[in-house]
Amino acid sequence: MHQKIRKAIIPAAGFGTRMLPATKSIPKELLTIVDRPLLDYIVAEAFASGIEHVVIVTGRMKGAIEDHFDHAFELDVSLRNAGKLPLADRIAQDTPAAGTISFVRQQQARGLGHAVWTARHIIGDEPFAVLLPDMLMVDDNPCLKSMVDLYERHGDNVVAVERCAPEDAHKFGIVSLKPTADGPVVTGLVEKPAPGTAPSNLFISGRYILQPEIFAIIEQQAPGAGGEIQLTDAMLTLLETRNIRPFEFCGHTFDCGVPAGFVTANLHMAAQRADLAPHIGTAMDALYPARRAVA
């Protein structure tokens, strides 16, 4: 019986420079996908996957994240007094219960590995999940839930991977795999390999399940690419003693940390809603008549 995955870390301390000037005063994690902050979707994925406690790693100028997940008493009263009971109930329902979310500060921008390490005392000596808040991963079954299912079969580390065009492999962190009688395992991680040298076209896509010994590895980890403490470097060390298993995610992934991914995510999520989809189609036809002619 493997130890249950109860806790998850969401690193949300970055400046969001790829989305400036929008992120000059608004945390990138609170930019909205349709009418819901991006971070809401990520936290919801964690809880839908059986996570009991989410640790959000923040930084300076990110206090709005804590406020967002707090109970807004004045707003609740105002909405109810105005007779907007369904909206008040929805907001109350979407607010996580007291004690299910904690916040820690990454006081220096020292990389993803360091951000994960700052949550070590809350995680303790148990396996945990990591969800990158830029990556909106949409499927009927949450990506992390499928990873938890894989973990429960094997008890190993798990990393979400996706396929890219082979000619694009130099843009990503690529894994190499080997088959075993019990399913494939990761044998290596290469960050942005030189064109033509990638061991596969499977790239790491923003969800992890890790064993707690990685905290001690990160603590001793030398700075890597960009002078930062890289999580992938620590995972390579972890790989020397523990298996890492790949979970290939085949849903839709949107990198909401860049404008193209952010806009596409908005269009996709709006198109999934019965109240918005007809308006989206009509607006696109009106704005781009050539689209309608081609259709």
C-alpha atoms as a PDB file:
ATOM      1  CA  MET A   1       0.000   0.000   0.000  1.00  0.00           C
ATOM      2  CA  HIS A   2       1.577   3.256  -1.123  1.00  0.00           C
ATOM      3  CA  GLN A   3       1.402   6.454   0.896  1.00  0.00           C
ATOM      4  CA  LYS A   4      -1.511   8.572  -0.314  1.00  0.00           C
ATOM      5  CA  ILE A   5      -0.844  11.725  -2.325  1.00  0.00           C
ATOM      6  CA  ARG A   6      -2.499  14.276  -0.026  1.00  0.00           C
ATOM      7  CA  LYS A   7      -0.624  17.496  -0.741  1.00  0.00           C
ATOM      8  CA  ALA A   8       0.270  19.541  -3.807  1.00  0.00           C
ATOM      9  CA  ILE A   9       2.554  22.498  -4.464  1.00  0.00           C
ATOM     10  CA  ILE A  10       1.653  25.221  -6.959  1.00  0.00           C
ATOM     11  CA  PRO A  11       4.644  27.522  -7.611  1.00  0.00           C
ATOM     12  CA  ALA A  12       3.189  30.988  -8.249  1.00  0.00           C
ATOM     13  CA  ALA A  13       6.012  33.368  -7.368  1.00  0.00           C
ATOM     14  CA  GLY A  14       7.145  34.339 -10.866  1.00  0.00           C
ATOM     15  CA  PHE A  15       6.906  37.836 -12.327  1.00  0.00           C
ATOM     16  CA  GLY A  16       5.008  36.769 -15.440  1.00  0.00           C
ATOM     17  CA  THR A  17       7.338  38.751 -17.695  1.00  0.00           C
ATOM     18  CA  ARG A  18       6.068  37.040 -20.856  1.00  0.00           C
ATOM     19  CA  MET A  19       2.629  38.566 -20.205  1.00  0.00           C
ATOM     20  CA  LEU A  20       3.699  42.149 -19.484  1.00  0.00           C
ATOM     21  CA  PRO A  21       2.287  44.766 -19.261  1.00  0.00           C
ATOM     22  CA  ALA A  22      -0.833  42.860 -18.076  1.00  0.00           C
ATOM     23  CA  THR A  23       1.139  41.379 -15.175  1.00  0.00           C
ATOM     24  CA  LYS A  24       2.693  44.639 -14.001  1.00  0.00           C
ATOM     25  CA  SER A  25       0.120  44.897 -11.196  1.00  0.00           C
ATOM     26  CA  ILE A  26      -1.926  41.685 -11.553  1.00  0.00           C
ATOM     27  CA  PRO A  27      -0.401  38.275 -10.779  1.00  0.00           C
ATOM     28  CA  LYS A  28      -0.327  36.248 -13.979  1.00  0.00           C
ATOM     29  CA  GLU A  29      -2.031  33.422 -12.114  1.00  0.00           C
ATOM     30  CA  LEU A  30      -5.110  35.631 -11.619  1.00  0.00           C
ATOM     31  CA  LEU A  31      -5.496  36.586 -15.270  1.00  0.00           C
ATOM     32  CA  THR A  32      -8.886  35.270 -16.275  1.00  0.00           C
ATOM     33  CA  ILE A  33      -9.708  32.413 -18.598  1.00  0.00           C
ATOM     34  CA  VAL A  34     -13.225  33.535 -19.594  1.00  0.00           C
ATOM     35  CA  ASP A  35     -14.613  34.587 -16.179  1.00  0.00           C
ATOM     36  CA  ARG A  36     -12.431  32.558 -13.835  1.00  0.00           C
ATOM     37  CA  PRO A  37      -8.814  33.160 -12.782  1.00  0.00           C
ATOM     38  CA  LEU A  38      -6.335  30.738 -14.284  1.00  0.00           C
ATOM     39  CA  LEU A  39      -5.201  29.634 -10.831  1.00  0.00           C
ATOM     40  CA  ASP A  40      -8.770  28.601  -9.988  1.00  0.00           C
ATOM     41  CA  TYR A  41      -8.635  25.936 -12.682  1.00  0.00           C
ATOM     42  CA  ILE A  42      -5.320  24.603 -11.379  1.00  0.00           C
ATOM     43  CA  VAL A  43      -6.484  24.443  -7.759  1.00  0.00           C
ATOM     44  CA  ALA A  44      -9.730  22.778  -8.878  1.00  0.00           C
ATOM     45  CA  GLU A  45      -7.711  20.136 -10.764  1.00  0.00           C
ATOM     46  CA  ALA A  46      -5.749  19.402  -7.599  1.00  0.00           C
ATOM     47  CA  PHE A  47      -8.831  18.934  -5.431  1.00  0.00           C
ATOM     48  CA  ALA A  48     -10.604  16.909  -8.150  1.00  0.00           C
ATOM     49  CA  SER A  49      -7.579  14.581  -8.110  1.00  0.00           C
ATOM     50  CA  GLY A  50      -7.912  13.765  -4.417  1.00  0.00           C
ATOM     51  CA  ILE A  51      -5.526  16.393  -3.045  1.00  0.00           C
ATOM     52  CA  GLU A  52      -6.474  17.466   0.482  1.00  0.00           C
ATOM     53  CA  HIS A  53      -4.088  20.388   0.978  1.00  0.00           C
ATOM     54  CA  VAL A  54      -2.659  22.801  -1.600  1.00  0.00           C
ATOM     55  CA  VAL A  55       0.470  24.854  -0.893  1.00  0.00           C
ATOM     56  CA  ILE A  56       0.763  27.933  -3.108  1.00  0.00           C
ATOM     57  CA  VAL A  57       4.257  29.438  -3.306  1.00  0.00           C
ATOM     58  CA  THR A  58       4.003  33.200  -3.788  1.00  0.00           C
ATOM     59  CA  GLY A  59       6.312  36.205  -3.773  1.00  0.00           C
ATOM     60  CA  ARG A  60       6.215  39.946  -3.337  1.00  0.00           C
ATOM     61  CA  MET A  61       3.240  41.742  -4.923  1.00  0.00           C
ATOM     62  CA  LYS A  62       1.228  38.507  -4.932  1.00  0.00           C
ATOM     63  CA  GLY A  63      -1.054  39.211  -1.970  1.00  0.00           C
ATOM     64  CA  ALA A  64      -4.069  39.237  -4.289  1.00  0.00           C
ATOM     65  CA  ILE A  65      -3.701  35.460  -4.640  1.00  0.00           C
ATOM     66  CA  GLU A  66      -4.263  34.963  -0.919  1.00  0.00           C
ATOM     67  CA  ASP A  67      -7.197  37.395  -1.005  1.00  0.00           C
ATOM     68  CA  HIS A  68      -8.782  35.535  -3.911  1.00  0.00           C
ATOM     69  CA  PHE A  69      -8.935  32.256  -1.989  1.00  0.00           C
ATOM     70  CA  ASP A  70     -10.246  33.909   1.185  1.00  0.00           C
ATOM     71  CA  HIS A  71     -13.911  34.211   2.119  1.00  0.00           C
ATOM     72  CA  ALA A  72     -15.082  37.641   0.894  1.00  0.00           C
ATOM     73  CA  PHE A  73     -17.610  38.456   3.616  1.00  0.00           C
ATOM     74  CA  GLU A  74     -18.556  41.914   2.327  1.00  0.00           C
ATOM     75  CA  LEU A  75     -19.046  40.664  -1.234  1.00  0.00           C
ATOM     76  CA  ASP A  76     -21.164  37.760  -0.022  1.00  0.00           C
ATOM     77  CA  VAL A  77     -23.436  40.026   1.995  1.00  0.00           C
ATOM     78  CA  SER A  78     -23.727  42.538  -0.848  1.00  0.00           C
ATOM     79  CA  LEU A  79     -24.683  39.870  -3.393  1.00  0.00           C
ATOM     80  CA  ARG A  80     -27.268  38.309  -1.077  1.00  0.00           C
ATOM     81  CA  ASN A  81     -28.786  41.676  -0.196  1.00  0.00           C
ATOM     82  CA  ALA A  82     -29.083  42.374  -3.923  1.00  0.00           C
ATOM     83  CA  GLY A  83     -30.920  39.106  -4.442  1.00  0.00           C
ATOM     84  CA  LYS A  84     -28.078  37.544  -6.427  1.00  0.00           C
ATOM     85  CA  LEU A  85     -28.238  34.323  -4.481  1.00  0.00           C
ATOM     86  CA  PRO A  86     -27.074  31.895  -7.211  1.00  0.00           C
ATOM     87  CA  LEU A  87     -23.926  33.958  -7.798  1.00  0.00           C
ATOM     88  CA  ALA A  88     -23.250  34.254  -4.062  1.00  0.00           C
ATOM     89  CA  ASP A  89     -23.734  30.510  -3.635  1.00  0.00           C
ATOM     90  CA  ARG A  90     -21.413  29.762  -6.554  1.00  0.00           C
ATOM     91  CA  ILE A  91     -18.632  31.930  -5.147  1.00  0.00           C
ATOM     92  CA  ALA A  92     -19.063  30.400  -1.697  1.00  0.00           C
ATOM     93  CA  GLN A  93     -18.982  26.901  -3.165  1.00  0.00           C
ATOM     94  CA  ASP A  94     -15.817  27.664  -5.145  1.00  0.00           C
ATOM     95  CA  THR A  95     -13.984  29.055  -2.098  1.00  0.00           C
ATOM     96  CA  PRO A  96     -11.774  26.320  -0.606  1.00  0.00           C
ATOM     97  CA  ALA A  97     -12.571  25.263   2.938  1.00  0.00           C
ATOM     98  CA  ALA A  98     -10.535  26.762   5.765  1.00  0.00           C
ATOM     99  CA  GLY A  99      -7.233  24.958   6.249  1.00  0.00           C
ATOM    100  CA  THR A 100      -7.090  23.381   2.783  1.00  0.00           C
ATOM    101  CA  ILE A 101      -4.770  26.011   1.283  1.00  0.00           C
ATOM    102  CA  SER A 102      -1.506  27.344   2.698  1.00  0.00           C
ATOM    103  CA  PHE A 103       0.825  30.026   1.368  1.00  0.00           C
ATOM    104  CA  VAL A 104       4.599  30.299   1.596  1.00  0.00           C
ATOM    105  CA  ARG A 105       6.898  32.975   0.197  1.00  0.00           C
ATOM    106  CA  GLN A 106       9.773  32.372  -2.164  1.00  0.00           C
ATOM    107  CA  GLN A 107      11.788  35.377  -1.058  1.00  0.00           C
ATOM    108  CA  GLN A 108      14.255  35.202  -3.954  1.00  0.00           C
ATOM    109  CA  ALA A 109      13.651  34.228  -7.580  1.00  0.00           C
ATOM    110  CA  ARG A 110      15.964  31.214  -7.578  1.00  0.00           C
ATOM    111  CA  GLY A 111      14.132  28.847  -9.910  1.00  0.00           C
ATOM    112  CA  LEU A 112      11.435  26.184  -9.888  1.00  0.00           C
ATOM    113  CA  GLY A 113      13.423  23.743  -7.782  1.00  0.00           C
ATOM    114  CA  HIS A 114      13.929  26.367  -5.088  1.00  0.00           C
ATOM    115  CA  ALA A 115      10.224  27.310  -5.191  1.00  0.00           C
ATOM    116  CA  VAL A 116       9.258  23.687  -4.558  1.00  0.00           C
ATOM    117  CA  TRP A 117      11.839  23.446  -1.754  1.00  0.00           C
ATOM    118  CA  THR A 118      10.315  26.412   0.109  1.00  0.00           C
ATOM    119  CA  ALA A 119       7.204  24.291   0.815  1.00  0.00           C
ATOM    120  CA  ARG A 120       9.167  21.411   2.370  1.00  0.00           C
ATOM    121  CA  HIS A 121       8.048  21.959   5.963  1.00  0.00           C
ATOM    122  CA  ILE A 122       4.367  21.881   5.030  1.00  0.00           C
ATOM    123  CA  ILE A 123       4.750  18.805   2.822  1.00  0.00           C
ATOM    124  CA  GLY A 124       6.816  16.884   5.370  1.00  0.00           C
ATOM    125  CA  ASP A 125       7.980  13.330   4.757  1.00  0.00           C
ATOM    126  CA  GLU A 126       5.393  12.233   2.204  1.00  0.00           C
ATOM    127  CA  PRO A 127       5.068  12.132  -1.579  1.00  0.00           C
ATOM    128  CA  PHE A 128       3.432  15.165  -3.166  1.00  0.00           C
ATOM    129  CA  ALA A 129       2.264  16.651  -6.449  1.00  0.00           C
ATOM    130  CA  VAL A 130       3.476  19.762  -8.278  1.00  0.00           C
ATOM    131  CA  LEU A 131       1.225  21.639 -10.712  1.00  0.00           C
ATOM    132  CA  LEU A 132       2.634  24.495 -12.783  1.00  0.00           C
ATOM    133  CA  PRO A 133       0.020  27.267 -12.845  1.00  0.00           C
ATOM    134  CA  ASP A 134       0.852  28.437 -16.383  1.00  0.00           C
ATOM    135  CA  MET A 135      -0.197  25.113 -17.867  1.00  0.00           C
ATOM    136  CA  LEU A 136      -3.960  24.695 -18.217  1.00  0.00           C
ATOM    137  CA  MET A 137      -4.507  21.003 -18.966  1.00  0.00           C
ATOM    138  CA  VAL A 138      -8.035  20.117 -20.038  1.00  0.00           C
ATOM    139  CA  ASP A 139      -9.488  16.622 -20.323  1.00  0.00           C
ATOM    140  CA  ASP A 140     -12.537  14.684 -19.150  1.00  0.00           C
ATOM    141  CA  ASN A 141     -10.329  13.077 -16.505  1.00  0.00           C
ATOM    142  CA  PRO A 142      -7.962  15.547 -14.792  1.00  0.00           C
ATOM    143  CA  CYS A 143      -4.326  15.029 -15.727  1.00  0.00           C
ATOM    144  CA  LEU A 144      -3.208  14.862 -12.111  1.00  0.00           C
ATOM    145  CA  LYS A 145      -5.931  12.308 -11.280  1.00  0.00           C
ATOM    146  CA  SER A 146      -4.592   9.983 -13.974  1.00  0.00           C
ATOM    147  CA  MET A 147      -1.080  10.477 -12.590  1.00  0.00           C
ATOM    148  CA  VAL A 148      -2.266   9.646  -9.061  1.00  0.00           C
ATOM    149  CA  ASP A 149      -3.833   6.453 -10.431  1.00  0.00           C
ATOM    150  CA  LEU A 150      -0.485   5.515 -12.002  1.00  0.00           C
ATOM    151  CA  TYR A 151       1.337   6.321  -8.764  1.00  0.00           C
ATOM    152  CA  GLU A 152      -1.035   4.111  -6.776  1.00  0.00           C
ATOM    153  CA  ARG A 153      -0.136   1.165  -9.023  1.00  0.00           C
ATOM    154  CA  HIS A 154       3.627   1.580  -8.718  1.00  0.00           C
ATOM    155  CA  GLY A 155       4.514   4.003  -5.902  1.00  0.00           C
ATOM    156  CA  ASP A 156       7.129   5.756  -8.016  1.00  0.00           C
ATOM    157  CA  ASN A 157       7.677   9.335  -9.101  1.00  0.00           C
ATOM    158  CA  VAL A 158       5.486  10.329 -12.048  1.00  0.00           C
ATOM    159  CA  VAL A 159       5.882  13.070 -14.655  1.00  0.00           C
ATOM    160  CA  ALA A 160       3.323  14.188 -17.240  1.00  0.00           C
ATOM    161  CA  VAL A 161       4.635  14.156 -20.799  1.00  0.00           C
ATOM    162  CA  GLU A 162       3.216  15.073 -24.184  1.00  0.00           C
ATOM    163  CA  ARG A 163       4.306  14.558 -27.777  1.00  0.00           C
ATOM    164  CA  CYS A 164       5.680  17.343 -29.929  1.00  0.00           C
ATOM    165  CA  ALA A 165       6.769  17.354 -33.554  1.00  0.00           C
ATOM    166  CA  PRO A 166      10.301  15.882 -33.645  1.00  0.00           C
ATOM    167  CA  GLU A 167      11.648  19.052 -35.253  1.00  0.00           C
ATOM    168  CA  ASP A 168      10.372  21.062 -32.248  1.00  0.00           C
ATOM    169  CA  ALA A 169      11.990  18.889 -29.572  1.00  0.00           C
ATOM    170  CA  HIS A 170      14.827  21.400 -29.101  1.00  0.00           C
ATOM    171  CA  LYS A 171      12.312  23.826 -27.563  1.00  0.00           C
ATOM    172  CA  PHE A 172      11.387  21.611 -24.594  1.00  0.00           C
ATOM    173  CA  GLY A 173      12.612  19.470 -21.732  1.00  0.00           C
ATOM    174  CA  ILE A 174      12.686  15.997 -23.301  1.00  0.00           C
ATOM    175  CA  VAL A 175      12.608  12.609 -21.574  1.00  0.00           C
ATOM    176  CA  SER A 176      14.218   9.374 -22.696  1.00  0.00           C
ATOM    177  CA  LEU A 177      12.416   6.138 -21.858  1.00  0.00           C
ATOM    178  CA  LYS A 178      13.008   2.428 -21.711  1.00  0.00           C
ATOM    179  CA  PRO A 179      10.338  -0.280 -21.700  1.00  0.00           C
ATOM    180  CA  THR A 180      10.023  -2.655 -18.751  1.00  0.00           C
ATOM    181  CA  ALA A 181       7.695  -5.539 -18.003  1.00  0.00           C
ATOM    182  CA  ASP A 182       5.840  -3.161 -15.685  1.00  0.00           C
ATOM    183  CA  GLY A 183       5.544  -0.252 -18.126  1.00  0.00           C
ATOM    184  CA  PRO A 184       7.970   2.422 -19.388  1.00  0.00           C
ATOM    185  CA  VAL A 185      10.310   4.289 -17.068  1.00  0.00           C
ATOM    186  CA  VAL A 186      12.277   7.485 -17.586  1.00  0.00           C
ATOM    187  CA  THR A 187      16.003   7.028 -18.107  1.00  0.00           C
ATOM    188  CA  GLY A 188      17.012  10.643 -18.661  1.00  0.00           C
ATOM    189  CA  LEU A 189      15.899  14.274 -18.876  1.00  0.00           C
ATOM    190  CA  VAL A 190      17.436  16.686 -21.368  1.00  0.00           C
ATOM    191  CA  GLU A 191      16.599  20.389 -21.290  1.00  0.00           C
ATOM    192  CA  LYS A 192      16.277  21.832 -24.820  1.00  0.00           C
ATOM    193  CA  PRO A 193      18.535  19.360 -26.651  1.00  0.00           C
ATOM    194  CA  ALA A 194      20.390  20.553 -29.717  1.00  0.00           C
ATOM    195  CA  PRO A 195      18.371  20.067 -32.922  1.00  0.00           C
ATOM    196  CA  GLY A 196      18.563  16.485 -34.108  1.00  0.00           C
ATOM    197  CA  THR A 197      19.890  15.097 -30.797  1.00  0.00           C
ATOM    198  CA  ALA A 198      16.665  14.632 -28.804  1.00  0.00           C
ATOM    199  CA  PRO A 199      16.240  11.086 -27.426  1.00  0.00           C
ATOM    200  CA  SER A 200      12.460  11.245 -28.036  1.00  0.00           C
ATOM    201  CA  ASN A 201       9.701  13.714 -28.839  1.00  0.00           C
ATOM    202  CA  LEU A 202       8.099  13.444 -25.398  1.00  0.00           C
ATOM    203  CA  PHE A 203       8.358  16.663 -23.398  1.00  0.00           C
ATOM    204  CA  ILE A 204       7.640  17.407 -19.729  1.00  0.00           C
ATOM    205  CA  SER A 205       4.380  19.313 -19.559  1.00  0.00           C
ATOM    206  CA  GLY A 206       3.812  20.733 -16.109  1.00  0.00           C
ATOM    207  CA  ARG A 207       2.587  18.070 -13.663  1.00  0.00           C
ATOM    208  CA  TYR A 208       4.731  15.979 -11.297  1.00  0.00           C
ATOM    209  CA  ILE A 209       4.405  13.492  -8.451  1.00  0.00           C
ATOM    210  CA  LEU A 210       7.617  13.393  -6.425  1.00  0.00           C
ATOM    211  CA  GLN A 211       9.014  11.543  -3.442  1.00  0.00           C
ATOM    212  CA  PRO A 212      10.003  13.698  -0.431  1.00  0.00           C
ATOM    213  CA  GLU A 213      13.722  12.884  -0.652  1.00  0.00           C
ATOM    214  CA  ILE A 214      13.897  15.369  -3.504  1.00  0.00           C
ATOM    215  CA  PHE A 215      13.901  18.167  -0.910  1.00  0.00           C
ATOM    216  CA  ALA A 216      17.321  17.059   0.410  1.00  0.00           C
ATOM    217  CA  ILE A 217      18.585  16.807  -3.162  1.00  0.00           C
ATOM    218  CA  ILE A 218      17.388  20.322  -3.991  1.00  0.00           C
ATOM    219  CA  GLU A 219      19.037  21.665  -0.845  1.00  0.00           C
ATOM    220  CA  GLN A 220      22.422  20.451  -2.129  1.00  0.00           C
ATOM    221  CA  GLN A 221      21.706  21.224  -5.793  1.00  0.00           C
ATOM    222  CA  ALA A 222      24.110  23.572  -7.561  1.00  0.00           C
ATOM    223  CA  PRO A 223      22.549  26.282  -9.745  1.00  0.00           C
ATOM    224  CA  GLY A 224      21.884  25.109 -13.282  1.00  0.00           C
ATOM    225  CA  ALA A 225      20.535  26.816 -16.396  1.00  0.00           C
ATOM    226  CA  GLY A 226      20.066  30.550 -15.918  1.00  0.00           C
ATOM    227  CA  GLY A 227      21.878  30.395 -12.579  1.00  0.00           C
ATOM    228  CA  GLU A 228      18.735  28.941 -10.975  1.00  0.00           C
ATOM    229  CA  ILE A 229      17.976  25.832  -8.932  1.00  0.00           C
ATOM    230  CA  GLN A 230      16.328  23.629 -11.538  1.00  0.00           C
ATOM    231  CA  LEU A 231      13.797  20.961 -10.610  1.00  0.00           C
ATOM    232  CA  THR A 232      14.856  18.811 -13.567  1.00  0.00           C
ATOM    233  CA  ASP A 233      18.448  18.714 -12.261  1.00  0.00           C
ATOM    234  CA  ALA A 234      17.200  17.425  -8.903  1.00  0.00           C
ATOM    235  CA  MET A 235      15.009  14.870 -10.674  1.00  0.00           C
ATOM    236  CA  LEU A 236      18.060  13.540 -12.531  1.00  0.00           C
ATOM    237  CA  THR A 237      19.722  12.899  -9.169  1.00  0.00           C
ATOM    238  CA  LEU A 238      16.532  11.323  -7.830  1.00  0.00           C
ATOM    239  CA  LEU A 239      16.495   9.060 -10.889  1.00  0.00           C
ATOM    240  CA  GLU A 240      19.680   7.404  -9.645  1.00  0.00           C
ATOM    241  CA  THR A 241      17.774   5.719  -6.802  1.00  0.00           C
ATOM    242  CA  ARG A 242      14.052   5.926  -7.663  1.00  0.00           C
ATOM    243  CA  ASN A 243      12.007   5.244 -10.786  1.00  0.00           C
ATOM    244  CA  ILE A 244      10.268   8.068 -12.596  1.00  0.00           C
ATOM    245  CA  ARG A 245       7.309   6.898 -14.670  1.00  0.00           C
ATOM    246  CA  PRO A 246       5.827   8.866 -17.565  1.00  0.00           C
ATOM    247  CA  PHE A 247       2.142   9.585 -17.941  1.00  0.00           C
ATOM    248  CA  GLU A 248       1.349  10.635 -21.492  1.00  0.00           C
ATOM    249  CA  PHE A 249      -1.342  13.315 -21.402  1.00  0.00           C
ATOM    250  CA  CYS A 250      -3.481  13.338 -24.527  1.00  0.00           C
ATOM    251  CA  GLY A 251      -5.931  16.137 -23.704  1.00  0.00           C
ATOM    252  CA  HIS A 252      -5.584  19.835 -24.506  1.00  0.00           C
ATOM    253  CA  THR A 253      -2.751  21.828 -22.931  1.00  0.00           C
ATOM    254  CA  PHE A 254      -2.526  25.613 -23.094  1.00  0.00           C
ATOM    255  CA  ASP A 255       0.577  27.526 -22.034  1.00  0.00           C
ATOM    256  CA  CYS A 256      -1.178  30.525 -20.518  1.00  0.00           C
ATOM    257  CA  GLY A 257       2.120  32.197 -19.691  1.00  0.00           C
ATOM    258  CA  VAL A 258       2.382  33.475 -23.261  1.00  0.00           C
ATOM    259  CA  PRO A 259      -0.185  35.568 -25.174  1.00  0.00           C
ATOM    260  CA  ALA A 260      -0.904  32.971 -27.888  1.00  0.00           C
ATOM    261  CA  GLY A 261      -1.622  30.210 -25.375  1.00  0.00           C
ATOM    262  CA  PHE A 262      -3.628  32.533 -23.163  1.00  0.00           C
ATOM    263  CA  VAL A 263      -5.888  33.683 -26.019  1.00  0.00           C
ATOM    264  CA  THR A 264      -6.331  30.140 -27.317  1.00  0.00           C
ATOM    265  CA  ALA A 265      -7.266  28.907 -23.834  1.00  0.00           C
ATOM    266  CA  ASN A 266      -9.923  31.605 -23.569  1.00  0.00           C
ATOM    267  CA  LEU A 267     -11.414  30.658 -26.929  1.00  0.00           C
ATOM    268  CA  HIS A 268     -11.380  26.945 -26.108  1.00  0.00           C
ATOM    269  CA  MET A 269     -12.924  27.276 -22.663  1.00  0.00           C
ATOM    270  CA  ALA A 270     -15.570  29.715 -23.932  1.00  0.00           C
ATOM    271  CA  ALA A 271     -16.452  27.300 -26.738  1.00  0.00           C
ATOM    272  CA  GLN A 272     -17.161  24.591 -24.149  1.00  0.00           C
ATOM    273  CA  ARG A 273     -19.890  26.665 -22.490  1.00  0.00           C
ATOM    274  CA  ALA A 274     -23.433  26.506 -23.804  1.00  0.00           C
ATOM    275  CA  ASP A 275     -24.056  30.137 -22.817  1.00  0.00           C
ATOM    276  CA  LEU A 276     -21.033  31.426 -24.749  1.00  0.00           C
ATOM    277  CA  ALA A 277     -20.352  29.094 -27.671  1.00  0.00           C
ATOM    278  CA  PRO A 278     -23.029  30.547 -30.022  1.00  0.00           C
ATOM    279  CA  HIS A 279     -21.761  34.083 -29.398  1.00  0.00           C
ATOM    280  CA  ILE A 280     -18.174  33.054 -30.082  1.00  0.00           C
ATOM    281  CA  GLY A 281     -19.100  31.560 -33.455  1.00  0.00           C
ATOM    282  CA  THR A 282     -21.222  34.548 -34.444  1.00  0.00           C
ATOM    283  CA  ALA A 283     -18.525  37.032 -33.436  1.00  0.00           C
ATOM    284  CA  MET A 284     -15.824  35.153 -35.339  1.00  0.00           C
ATOM    285  CA  ASP A 285     -17.984  35.038 -38.474  1.00  0.00           C
ATOM    286  CA  ALA A 286     -18.676  38.777 -38.221  1.00  0.00           C
ATOM    287  CA  LEU A 287     -15.047  39.682 -37.616  1.00  0.00           C
ATOM    288  CA  TYR A 288     -13.617  37.331 -40.215  1.00  0.00           C
ATOM    289  CA  PRO A 289     -16.086  36.799 -43.099  1.00  0.00           C
ATOM    290  CA  ALA A 290     -13.534  34.664 -44.967  1.00  0.00           C
ATOM    291  CA  ARG A 291     -13.775  32.126 -42.136  1.00  0.00           C
ATOM    292  CA  ARG A 292     -17.488  31.653 -42.767  1.00  0.00           C
ATOM    293  CA  ALA A 293     -16.945  31.256 -46.529  1.00  0.00           C
ATOM    294  CA  VAL A 294     -14.324  28.553 -45.979  1.00  0.00           C
ATOM    295  CA  ALA A 295     -16.584  26.711 -43.512  1.00  0.00           C
END
